[in-house]
Amino acid sequence: MYAVSHFVAKRRKFRNPQNLKILAVAEFVGRFILDNADGIA
């Protein structure tokens, strides 16, 4: 699920450059969640 959202977010980044900052934050949070999930699992 996370990998798919990450891929979609990267595609949207090129389509909507004005949302670059928002997506950058979302990407950072997504990576943080993934790192925690890997640590827990």
PDB file of N, CA and C in Angstrom:
ATOM      1  N   MET A   1       0.841  -1.203   0.000  1.00  0.00           N
ATOM      2  CA  MET A   1       0.000   0.000   0.000  1.00  0.00           C
ATOM      3  C   MET A   1       0.878   1.256   0.000  1.00  0.00           C
ATOM      4  N   TYR A   2       1.844   1.285   0.921  1.00  0.00           N
ATOM      5  CA  TYR A   2       2.696   2.474   1.025  1.00  0.00           C
ATOM      6  C   TYR A   2       3.493   2.690  -0.254  1.00  0.00           C
ATOM      7  N   ALA A   3       3.989   1.601  -0.847  1.00  0.00           N
ATOM      8  CA  ALA A   3       4.787   1.718  -2.075  1.00  0.00           C
ATOM      9  C   ALA A   3       3.938   2.326  -3.193  1.00  0.00           C
ATOM     10  N   VAL A   4       2.678   1.915  -3.267  1.00  0.00           N
ATOM     11  CA  VAL A   4       1.791   2.444  -4.309  1.00  0.00           C
ATOM     12  C   VAL A   4       1.533   3.930  -4.085  1.00  0.00           C
ATOM     13  N   SER A   5       1.228   4.318  -2.846  1.00  0.00           N
ATOM     14  CA  SER A   5       0.974   5.730  -2.553  1.00  0.00           C
ATOM     15  C   SER A   5       2.215   6.554  -2.839  1.00  0.00           C
ATOM     16  N   HIS A   6       3.383   5.992  -2.510  1.00  0.00           N
ATOM     17  CA  HIS A   6       4.647   6.692  -2.738  1.00  0.00           C
ATOM     18  C   HIS A   6       4.835   6.935  -4.233  1.00  0.00           C
ATOM     19  N   PHE A   7       4.556   5.927  -5.038  1.00  0.00           N
ATOM     20  CA  PHE A   7       4.698   6.051  -6.494  1.00  0.00           C
ATOM     21  C   PHE A   7       3.716   7.082  -7.048  1.00  0.00           C
ATOM     22  N   VAL A   8       2.484   7.035  -6.564  1.00  0.00           N
ATOM     23  CA  VAL A   8       1.468   7.991  -7.029  1.00  0.00           C
ATOM     24  C   VAL A   8       1.866   9.409  -6.636  1.00  0.00           C
ATOM     25  N   ALA A   9       2.374   9.577  -5.426  1.00  0.00           N
ATOM     26  CA  ALA A   9       2.785  10.901  -4.956  1.00  0.00           C
ATOM     27  C   ALA A   9       3.905  11.447  -5.831  1.00  0.00           C
ATOM     28  N   LYS A  10       4.839  10.576  -6.225  1.00  0.00           N
ATOM     29  CA  LYS A  10       5.938  11.032  -7.076  1.00  0.00           C
ATOM     30  C   LYS A  10       5.408  11.480  -8.435  1.00  0.00           C
ATOM     31  N   ARG A  11       4.411  10.785  -8.977  1.00  0.00           N
ATOM     32  CA  ARG A  11       3.843  11.174 -10.273  1.00  0.00           C
ATOM     33  C   ARG A  11       3.092  12.492 -10.141  1.00  0.00           C
ATOM     34  N   ARG A  12       2.361  12.656  -9.055  1.00  0.00           N
ATOM     35  CA  ARG A  12       1.610  13.899  -8.843  1.00  0.00           C
ATOM     36  C   ARG A  12       2.557  15.076  -8.681  1.00  0.00           C
ATOM     37  N   LYS A  13       3.740  14.801  -8.137  1.00  0.00           N
ATOM     38  CA  LYS A  13       4.719  15.858  -7.897  1.00  0.00           C
ATOM     39  C   LYS A  13       5.056  16.561  -9.207  1.00  0.00           C
ATOM     40  N   PHE A  14       5.168  15.793 -10.288  1.00  0.00           N
ATOM     41  CA  PHE A  14       5.512  16.381 -11.582  1.00  0.00           C
ATOM     42  C   PHE A  14       4.291  17.058 -12.214  1.00  0.00           C
ATOM     43  N   ARG A  15       3.112  16.542 -11.916  1.00  0.00           N
ATOM     44  CA  ARG A  15       1.894  17.124 -12.490  1.00  0.00           C
ATOM     45  C   ARG A  15       1.527  18.434 -11.805  1.00  0.00           C
ATOM     46  N   ASN A  16       1.721  18.494 -10.488  1.00  0.00           N
ATOM     47  CA  ASN A  16       1.337  19.687  -9.724  1.00  0.00           C
ATOM     48  C   ASN A  16       2.533  20.231  -8.949  1.00  0.00           C
ATOM     49  N   PRO A  17       3.419  20.976  -9.609  1.00  0.00           N
ATOM     50  CA  PRO A  17       4.615  21.504  -8.934  1.00  0.00           C
ATOM     51  C   PRO A  17       4.254  22.415  -7.766  1.00  0.00           C
ATOM     52  N   GLN A  18       3.060  23.027  -7.789  1.00  0.00           N
ATOM     53  CA  GLN A  18       2.674  23.935  -6.712  1.00  0.00           C
ATOM     54  C   GLN A  18       2.469  23.179  -5.403  1.00  0.00           C
ATOM     55  N   ASN A  19       2.253  21.854  -5.504  1.00  0.00           N
ATOM     56  CA  ASN A  19       2.038  21.051  -4.298  1.00  0.00           C
ATOM     57  C   ASN A  19       3.318  20.345  -3.870  1.00  0.00           C
ATOM     58  N   LEU A  20       4.451  20.795  -4.416  1.00  0.00           N
ATOM     59  CA  LEU A  20       5.726  20.128  -4.158  1.00  0.00           C
ATOM     60  C   LEU A  20       6.032  20.082  -2.666  1.00  0.00           C
ATOM     61  N   LYS A  21       5.820  21.205  -1.972  1.00  0.00           N
ATOM     62  CA  LYS A  21       6.143  21.250  -0.537  1.00  0.00           C
ATOM     63  C   LYS A  21       5.260  20.288   0.244  1.00  0.00           C
ATOM     64  N   ILE A  22       3.974  20.284  -0.048  1.00  0.00           N
ATOM     65  CA  ILE A  22       3.043  19.410   0.678  1.00  0.00           C
ATOM     66  C   ILE A  22       3.404  17.951   0.452  1.00  0.00           C
ATOM     67  N   LEU A  23       3.715  17.603  -0.799  1.00  0.00           N
ATOM     68  CA  LEU A  23       4.052  16.219  -1.114  1.00  0.00           C
ATOM     69  C   LEU A  23       5.401  15.852  -0.514  1.00  0.00           C
ATOM     70  N   ALA A  24       6.307  16.817  -0.436  1.00  0.00           N
ATOM     71  CA  ALA A  24       7.617  16.543   0.159  1.00  0.00           C
ATOM     72  C   ALA A  24       7.438  16.175   1.626  1.00  0.00           C
ATOM     73  N   VAL A  25       6.576  16.900   2.323  1.00  0.00           N
ATOM     74  CA  VAL A  25       6.304  16.599   3.732  1.00  0.00           C
ATOM     75  C   VAL A  25       5.629  15.236   3.851  1.00  0.00           C
ATOM     76  N   ALA A  26       4.669  14.971   2.961  1.00  0.00           N
ATOM     77  CA  ALA A  26       3.963  13.689   2.984  1.00  0.00           C
ATOM     78  C   ALA A  26       4.935  12.549   2.722  1.00  0.00           C
ATOM     79  N   GLU A  27       5.886  12.783   1.824  1.00  0.00           N
ATOM     80  CA  GLU A  27       6.875  11.748   1.511  1.00  0.00           C
ATOM     81  C   GLU A  27       7.756  11.484   2.729  1.00  0.00           C
ATOM     82  N   PHE A  28       8.150  12.559   3.431  1.00  0.00           N
ATOM     83  CA  PHE A  28       8.983  12.410   4.625  1.00  0.00           C
ATOM     84  C   PHE A  28       8.240  11.621   5.696  1.00  0.00           C
ATOM     85  N   VAL A  29       6.973  11.967   5.916  1.00  0.00           N
ATOM     86  CA  VAL A  29       6.162  11.263   6.916  1.00  0.00           C
ATOM     87  C   VAL A  29       5.991   9.802   6.515  1.00  0.00           C
ATOM     88  N   GLY A  30       5.782   9.573   5.224  1.00  0.00           N
ATOM     89  CA  GLY A  30       5.613   8.203   4.736  1.00  0.00           C
ATOM     90  C   GLY A  30       6.851   7.365   4.992  1.00  0.00           C
ATOM     91  N   ARG A  31       8.021   7.959   4.754  1.00  0.00           N
ATOM     92  CA  ARG A  31       9.271   7.227   4.992  1.00  0.00           C
ATOM     93  C   ARG A  31       9.443   6.957   6.480  1.00  0.00           C
ATOM     94  N   PHE A  32       9.071   7.931   7.320  1.00  0.00           N
ATOM     95  CA  PHE A  32       9.183   7.771   8.766  1.00  0.00           C
ATOM     96  C   PHE A  32       8.303   6.618   9.234  1.00  0.00           C
ATOM     97  N   ILE A  33       7.075   6.547   8.698  1.00  0.00           N
ATOM     98  CA  ILE A  33       6.144   5.470   9.060  1.00  0.00           C
ATOM     99  C   ILE A  33       6.689   4.126   8.592  1.00  0.00           C
ATOM    100  N   LEU A  34       7.242   4.095   7.379  1.00  0.00           N
ATOM    101  CA  LEU A  34       7.791   2.849   6.841  1.00  0.00           C
ATOM    102  C   LEU A  34       8.942   2.368   7.712  1.00  0.00           C
ATOM    103  N   ASP A  35       9.816   3.294   8.126  1.00  0.00           N
ATOM    104  CA  ASP A  35      10.952   2.913   8.969  1.00  0.00           C
ATOM    105  C   ASP A  35      10.456   2.330  10.285  1.00  0.00           C
ATOM    106  N   ASN A  36       9.446   2.939  10.882  1.00  0.00           N
ATOM    107  CA  ASN A  36       8.897   2.440  12.140  1.00  0.00           C
ATOM    108  C   ASN A  36       8.240   1.085  11.939  1.00  0.00           C
ATOM    109  N   ALA A  37       7.532   0.917  10.817  1.00  0.00           N
ATOM    110  CA  ALA A  37       6.857  -0.350  10.533  1.00  0.00           C
ATOM    111  C   ALA A  37       7.894  -1.463  10.397  1.00  0.00           C
ATOM    112  N   ASP A  38       9.002  -1.164   9.730  1.00  0.00           N
ATOM    113  CA  ASP A  38      10.056  -2.167   9.568  1.00  0.00           C
ATOM    114  C   ASP A  38      10.648  -2.526  10.927  1.00  0.00           C
ATOM    115  N   GLY A  39      10.796  -1.538  11.801  1.00  0.00           N
ATOM    116  CA  GLY A  39      11.366  -1.788  13.119  1.00  0.00           C
ATOM    117  C   GLY A  39      10.427  -2.634  13.967  1.00  0.00           C
ATOM    118  N   ILE A  40       9.127  -2.357  13.883  1.00  0.00           N
ATOM    119  CA  ILE A  40       8.147  -3.106  14.670  1.00  0.00           C
ATOM    120  C   ILE A  40       8.008  -4.527  14.129  1.00  0.00           C
ATOM    121  N   ALA A  41       7.900  -4.634  12.804  1.00  0.00           N
ATOM    122  CA  ALA A  41       7.733  -5.954  12.190  1.00  0.00           C
ATOM    123  C   ALA A  41       9.092  -6.627  12.132  1.00  0.00           C
TER     124      ALA A  41
END
